[in-house]
């Protein structure tokens, strides 16, 4: 394993520890659970994206993981991250958290740049619009959900630890 891949796994371990140490993050974990993923500098396939196998879940009222990070551990999140990275190479990590109107309102009131993904056919075009608009900070994307799809808020950053810090800051808003 090259040094970049080793560092990515370490970033995810550290980020997961940070998220799991905070009970305030518990309400942000969706029913379908969450994951924190990070990609290599030139991702092409899910094999270039590491995440937590089995995802981040809630056990006894706290976020928890029960496996070490691995490559291609979250294929759907990997594809979202690869797409986002193709629009802005600064996006190297993402975490999906629970959508709620209350959360979107709190993010808006606290100056976060938000982009709503109106339907399941608009993910790519909305992310491209938000990531190529030249914002000082990476925007946050959200979807109310669709038939058989839970709503989601996508938090991104240059690395997994930065994303975890953003999620911890978001948890403090609620």
C-alpha atoms as a PDB file:
ATOM      1  CA  UNK A   1       0.000   0.000   0.000  1.00  0.00           C
ATOM      2  CA  UNK A   2       1.423   3.389  -0.929  1.00  0.00           C
ATOM      3  CA  UNK A   3       1.735   6.217   1.587  1.00  0.00           C
ATOM      4  CA  UNK A   4      -1.273   8.155   0.249  1.00  0.00           C
ATOM      5  CA  UNK A   5      -3.591   5.182   0.780  1.00  0.00           C
ATOM      6  CA  UNK A   6      -2.168   4.518   4.227  1.00  0.00           C
ATOM      7  CA  UNK A   7      -2.706   8.185   5.199  1.00  0.00           C
ATOM      8  CA  UNK A   8      -6.310   8.071   3.951  1.00  0.00           C
ATOM      9  CA  UNK A   9      -7.089   5.066   6.145  1.00  0.00           C
ATOM     10  CA  UNK A  10      -5.559   6.908   9.114  1.00  0.00           C
ATOM     11  CA  UNK A  11      -7.653  10.001   8.353  1.00  0.00           C
ATOM     12  CA  UNK A  12     -10.835   7.924   8.373  1.00  0.00           C
ATOM     13  CA  UNK A  13      -9.909   6.224  11.658  1.00  0.00           C
ATOM     14  CA  UNK A  14      -9.297   9.626  13.269  1.00  0.00           C
ATOM     15  CA  UNK A  15     -12.492  11.116  11.794  1.00  0.00           C
ATOM     16  CA  UNK A  16     -14.572   8.156  12.973  1.00  0.00           C
ATOM     17  CA  UNK A  17     -13.128   8.496  16.500  1.00  0.00           C
ATOM     18  CA  UNK A  18     -14.089  12.178  16.534  1.00  0.00           C
ATOM     19  CA  UNK A  19     -17.642  11.519  15.349  1.00  0.00           C
ATOM     20  CA  UNK A  20     -18.147   8.574  17.710  1.00  0.00           C
ATOM     21  CA  UNK A  21     -16.923  10.577  20.708  1.00  0.00           C
ATOM     22  CA  UNK A  22     -19.842  13.010  20.453  1.00  0.00           C
ATOM     23  CA  UNK A  23     -23.377  12.130  21.535  1.00  0.00           C
ATOM     24  CA  UNK A  24     -24.476  15.340  19.814  1.00  0.00           C
ATOM     25  CA  UNK A  25     -23.833  13.666  16.451  1.00  0.00           C
ATOM     26  CA  UNK A  26     -26.375  10.908  17.194  1.00  0.00           C
ATOM     27  CA  UNK A  27     -29.390  12.826  15.793  1.00  0.00           C
ATOM     28  CA  UNK A  28     -27.435  13.410  12.573  1.00  0.00           C
ATOM     29  CA  UNK A  29     -27.048   9.696  11.795  1.00  0.00           C
ATOM     30  CA  UNK A  30     -29.720   8.721   9.237  1.00  0.00           C
ATOM     31  CA  UNK A  31     -31.878   5.588   9.479  1.00  0.00           C
ATOM     32  CA  UNK A  32     -29.770   4.115   6.670  1.00  0.00           C
ATOM     33  CA  UNK A  33     -26.705   4.934   8.775  1.00  0.00           C
ATOM     34  CA  UNK A  34     -23.833   7.139   7.692  1.00  0.00           C
ATOM     35  CA  UNK A  35     -20.344   6.837   6.330  1.00  0.00           C
ATOM     36  CA  UNK A  36     -17.302   9.007   6.125  1.00  0.00           C
ATOM     37  CA  UNK A  37     -15.286   8.387   2.991  1.00  0.00           C
ATOM     38  CA  UNK A  38     -12.091   9.753   1.526  1.00  0.00           C
ATOM     39  CA  UNK A  39     -10.590   9.296  -1.934  1.00  0.00           C
ATOM     40  CA  UNK A  40      -7.142   9.235  -3.430  1.00  0.00           C
ATOM     41  CA  UNK A  41      -5.926  12.323  -5.282  1.00  0.00           C
ATOM     42  CA  UNK A  42      -7.080  10.840  -8.616  1.00  0.00           C
ATOM     43  CA  UNK A  43     -10.084   8.572  -7.965  1.00  0.00           C
ATOM     44  CA  UNK A  44     -11.503   6.539 -10.828  1.00  0.00           C
ATOM     45  CA  UNK A  45     -13.449   3.693  -9.166  1.00  0.00           C
ATOM     46  CA  UNK A  46     -14.765   2.793  -5.697  1.00  0.00           C
ATOM     47  CA  UNK A  47     -11.436   1.002  -5.148  1.00  0.00           C
ATOM     48  CA  UNK A  48      -9.935   4.498  -4.882  1.00  0.00           C
ATOM     49  CA  UNK A  49     -12.343   5.481  -2.068  1.00  0.00           C
ATOM     50  CA  UNK A  50     -12.053   4.235   1.507  1.00  0.00           C
ATOM     51  CA  UNK A  51     -14.871   4.175   4.043  1.00  0.00           C
ATOM     52  CA  UNK A  52     -16.208   2.300   7.036  1.00  0.00           C
ATOM     53  CA  UNK A  53     -17.563  -1.190   6.181  1.00  0.00           C
ATOM     54  CA  UNK A  54     -21.026  -1.457   7.688  1.00  0.00           C
ATOM     55  CA  UNK A  55     -21.137   2.330   8.059  1.00  0.00           C
ATOM     56  CA  UNK A  56     -21.433   4.494  11.163  1.00  0.00           C
ATOM     57  CA  UNK A  57     -24.455   3.432  13.207  1.00  0.00           C
ATOM     58  CA  UNK A  58     -25.928   4.281  16.599  1.00  0.00           C
ATOM     59  CA  UNK A  59     -25.453   1.888  19.515  1.00  0.00           C
ATOM     60  CA  UNK A  60     -26.690   2.786  23.001  1.00  0.00           C
ATOM     61  CA  UNK A  61     -27.352   6.370  21.962  1.00  0.00           C
ATOM     62  CA  UNK A  62     -23.892   7.028  20.494  1.00  0.00           C
ATOM     63  CA  UNK A  63     -22.431   6.873  17.015  1.00  0.00           C
ATOM     64  CA  UNK A  64     -20.365   3.712  16.621  1.00  0.00           C
ATOM     65  CA  UNK A  65     -18.317   1.806  14.079  1.00  0.00           C
ATOM     66  CA  UNK A  66     -17.535  -1.871  14.227  1.00  0.00           C
ATOM     67  CA  UNK A  67     -14.896  -2.201  11.512  1.00  0.00           C
ATOM     68  CA  UNK A  68     -11.733  -0.501  10.382  1.00  0.00           C
ATOM     69  CA  UNK A  69     -11.862   1.475   7.127  1.00  0.00           C
ATOM     70  CA  UNK A  70     -11.380  -0.346   3.874  1.00  0.00           C
ATOM     71  CA  UNK A  71     -11.348   0.408   0.168  1.00  0.00           C
ATOM     72  CA  UNK A  72     -14.666   0.276  -1.738  1.00  0.00           C
ATOM     73  CA  UNK A  73     -16.526  -0.079   1.573  1.00  0.00           C
ATOM     74  CA  UNK A  74     -19.368   2.212   0.474  1.00  0.00           C
ATOM     75  CA  UNK A  75     -19.963   2.056  -3.254  1.00  0.00           C
ATOM     76  CA  UNK A  76     -22.837   4.583  -3.426  1.00  0.00           C
ATOM     77  CA  UNK A  77     -20.966   7.170  -1.350  1.00  0.00           C
ATOM     78  CA  UNK A  78     -17.846   6.436  -3.398  1.00  0.00           C
ATOM     79  CA  UNK A  79     -19.621   7.353  -6.621  1.00  0.00           C
ATOM     80  CA  UNK A  80     -20.947  10.573  -5.091  1.00  0.00           C
ATOM     81  CA  UNK A  81     -17.439  11.495  -3.907  1.00  0.00           C
ATOM     82  CA  UNK A  82     -15.834  10.651  -7.259  1.00  0.00           C
ATOM     83  CA  UNK A  83     -18.431  12.827  -9.022  1.00  0.00           C
ATOM     84  CA  UNK A  84     -17.897  15.725  -6.608  1.00  0.00           C
ATOM     85  CA  UNK A  85     -14.106  15.415  -6.964  1.00  0.00           C
ATOM     86  CA  UNK A  86     -14.449  15.587 -10.754  1.00  0.00           C
ATOM     87  CA  UNK A  87     -16.024  19.053 -10.358  1.00  0.00           C
ATOM     88  CA  UNK A  88     -13.677  20.280  -7.613  1.00  0.00           C
ATOM     89  CA  UNK A  89     -10.432  18.465  -6.827  1.00  0.00           C
ATOM     90  CA  UNK A  90     -10.483  19.990  -3.315  1.00  0.00           C
ATOM     91  CA  UNK A  91     -13.320  17.598  -2.446  1.00  0.00           C
ATOM     92  CA  UNK A  92     -11.567  14.486  -1.158  1.00  0.00           C
ATOM     93  CA  UNK A  93     -13.938  13.412   1.639  1.00  0.00           C
ATOM     94  CA  UNK A  94     -17.667  13.345   2.368  1.00  0.00           C
ATOM     95  CA  UNK A  95     -20.084  12.347   5.092  1.00  0.00           C
ATOM     96  CA  UNK A  96     -23.815  11.944   4.623  1.00  0.00           C
ATOM     97  CA  UNK A  97     -25.953  13.026   7.562  1.00  0.00           C
ATOM     98  CA  UNK A  98     -29.698  13.055   8.300  1.00  0.00           C
ATOM     99  CA  UNK A  99     -31.857  15.589   6.489  1.00  0.00           C
ATOM    100  CA  UNK A 100     -34.360  17.666   8.419  1.00  0.00           C
ATOM    101  CA  UNK A 101     -35.940  21.057   7.727  1.00  0.00           C
ATOM    102  CA  UNK A 102     -34.700  22.158  11.177  1.00  0.00           C
ATOM    103  CA  UNK A 103     -31.111  21.290  10.199  1.00  0.00           C
ATOM    104  CA  UNK A 104     -31.357  23.137   6.873  1.00  0.00           C
ATOM    105  CA  UNK A 105     -32.754  26.185   8.669  1.00  0.00           C
ATOM    106  CA  UNK A 106     -29.911  26.113  11.228  1.00  0.00           C
ATOM    107  CA  UNK A 107     -27.282  25.767   8.486  1.00  0.00           C
ATOM    108  CA  UNK A 108     -28.795  28.653   6.533  1.00  0.00           C
ATOM    109  CA  UNK A 109     -28.959  30.917   9.608  1.00  0.00           C
ATOM    110  CA  UNK A 110     -25.309  30.168  10.345  1.00  0.00           C
ATOM    111  CA  UNK A 111     -23.992  31.174   6.935  1.00  0.00           C
ATOM    112  CA  UNK A 112     -23.438  27.807   5.270  1.00  0.00           C
ATOM    113  CA  UNK A 113     -23.809  27.759   1.495  1.00  0.00           C
ATOM    114  CA  UNK A 114     -26.561  25.281   0.650  1.00  0.00           C
ATOM    115  CA  UNK A 115     -27.730  23.663  -2.559  1.00  0.00           C
ATOM    116  CA  UNK A 116     -30.942  21.666  -2.663  1.00  0.00           C
ATOM    117  CA  UNK A 117     -31.029  18.603  -4.889  1.00  0.00           C
ATOM    118  CA  UNK A 118     -34.685  18.707  -5.977  1.00  0.00           C
ATOM    119  CA  UNK A 119     -35.027  15.135  -7.264  1.00  0.00           C
ATOM    120  CA  UNK A 120     -33.092  11.958  -7.965  1.00  0.00           C
ATOM    121  CA  UNK A 121     -32.269  13.107 -11.505  1.00  0.00           C
ATOM    122  CA  UNK A 122     -30.598  16.338 -10.358  1.00  0.00           C
ATOM    123  CA  UNK A 123     -27.680  15.143  -8.203  1.00  0.00           C
ATOM    124  CA  UNK A 124     -24.972  15.636 -10.807  1.00  0.00           C
ATOM    125  CA  UNK A 125     -26.182  18.969 -12.216  1.00  0.00           C
ATOM    126  CA  UNK A 126     -26.759  20.460  -8.741  1.00  0.00           C
ATOM    127  CA  UNK A 127     -23.362  19.362  -7.471  1.00  0.00           C
ATOM    128  CA  UNK A 128     -21.650  20.675 -10.576  1.00  0.00           C
ATOM    129  CA  UNK A 129     -23.397  24.032 -10.169  1.00  0.00           C
ATOM    130  CA  UNK A 130     -22.453  24.299  -6.485  1.00  0.00           C
ATOM    131  CA  UNK A 131     -18.872  23.111  -6.820  1.00  0.00           C
ATOM    132  CA  UNK A 132     -17.996  25.278  -9.811  1.00  0.00           C
ATOM    133  CA  UNK A 133     -19.572  28.488  -8.455  1.00  0.00           C
ATOM    134  CA  UNK A 134     -16.376  29.658  -6.742  1.00  0.00           C
ATOM    135  CA  UNK A 135     -17.587  29.716  -3.131  1.00  0.00           C
ATOM    136  CA  UNK A 136     -14.958  30.404  -0.452  1.00  0.00           C
ATOM    137  CA  UNK A 137     -16.066  27.272   1.445  1.00  0.00           C
ATOM    138  CA  UNK A 138     -17.354  24.050  -0.019  1.00  0.00           C
ATOM    139  CA  UNK A 139     -21.156  24.100  -0.171  1.00  0.00           C
ATOM    140  CA  UNK A 140     -23.412  21.617   1.584  1.00  0.00           C
ATOM    141  CA  UNK A 141     -25.861  19.668  -0.572  1.00  0.00           C
ATOM    142  CA  UNK A 142     -29.189  18.371   0.639  1.00  0.00           C
ATOM    143  CA  UNK A 143     -32.102  16.346  -0.613  1.00  0.00           C
ATOM    144  CA  UNK A 144     -35.507  15.904   1.022  1.00  0.00           C
ATOM    145  CA  UNK A 145     -35.507  12.367  -0.307  1.00  0.00           C
ATOM    146  CA  UNK A 146     -37.545  10.600  -2.911  1.00  0.00           C
ATOM    147  CA  UNK A 147     -39.686   7.518  -3.116  1.00  0.00           C
ATOM    148  CA  UNK A 148     -37.935   4.848  -1.023  1.00  0.00           C
ATOM    149  CA  UNK A 149     -34.973   7.184  -0.475  1.00  0.00           C
ATOM    150  CA  UNK A 150     -34.325   8.923   2.821  1.00  0.00           C
ATOM    151  CA  UNK A 151     -33.376  12.586   2.723  1.00  0.00           C
ATOM    152  CA  UNK A 152     -29.692  13.414   3.043  1.00  0.00           C
ATOM    153  CA  UNK A 153     -27.256  16.219   3.738  1.00  0.00           C
ATOM    154  CA  UNK A 154     -23.809  15.848   2.179  1.00  0.00           C
ATOM    155  CA  UNK A 155     -20.911  17.501   3.985  1.00  0.00           C
ATOM    156  CA  UNK A 156     -17.608  17.598   2.080  1.00  0.00           C
ATOM    157  CA  UNK A 157     -14.051  18.699   2.640  1.00  0.00           C
ATOM    158  CA  UNK A 158     -10.423  18.236   1.657  1.00  0.00           C
ATOM    159  CA  UNK A 159      -9.945  15.302   4.074  1.00  0.00           C
ATOM    160  CA  UNK A 160     -11.908  13.097   6.464  1.00  0.00           C
ATOM    161  CA  UNK A 161     -10.816  14.907   9.643  1.00  0.00           C
ATOM    162  CA  UNK A 162     -11.969  18.270   8.251  1.00  0.00           C
ATOM    163  CA  UNK A 163     -15.338  16.730   7.357  1.00  0.00           C
ATOM    164  CA  UNK A 164     -15.646  15.275  10.878  1.00  0.00           C
ATOM    165  CA  UNK A 165     -14.904  18.711  12.357  1.00  0.00           C
ATOM    166  CA  UNK A 166     -17.628  20.240  10.149  1.00  0.00           C
ATOM    167  CA  UNK A 167     -20.114  17.589  11.262  1.00  0.00           C
ATOM    168  CA  UNK A 168     -19.230  18.236  14.917  1.00  0.00           C
ATOM    169  CA  UNK A 169     -19.766  21.978  14.350  1.00  0.00           C
ATOM    170  CA  UNK A 170     -23.107  21.254  12.666  1.00  0.00           C
ATOM    171  CA  UNK A 171     -24.157  19.043  15.608  1.00  0.00           C
ATOM    172  CA  UNK A 172     -23.556  22.009  17.927  1.00  0.00           C
ATOM    173  CA  UNK A 173     -26.155  24.033  15.994  1.00  0.00           C
ATOM    174  CA  UNK A 174     -29.011  21.730  16.992  1.00  0.00           C
END
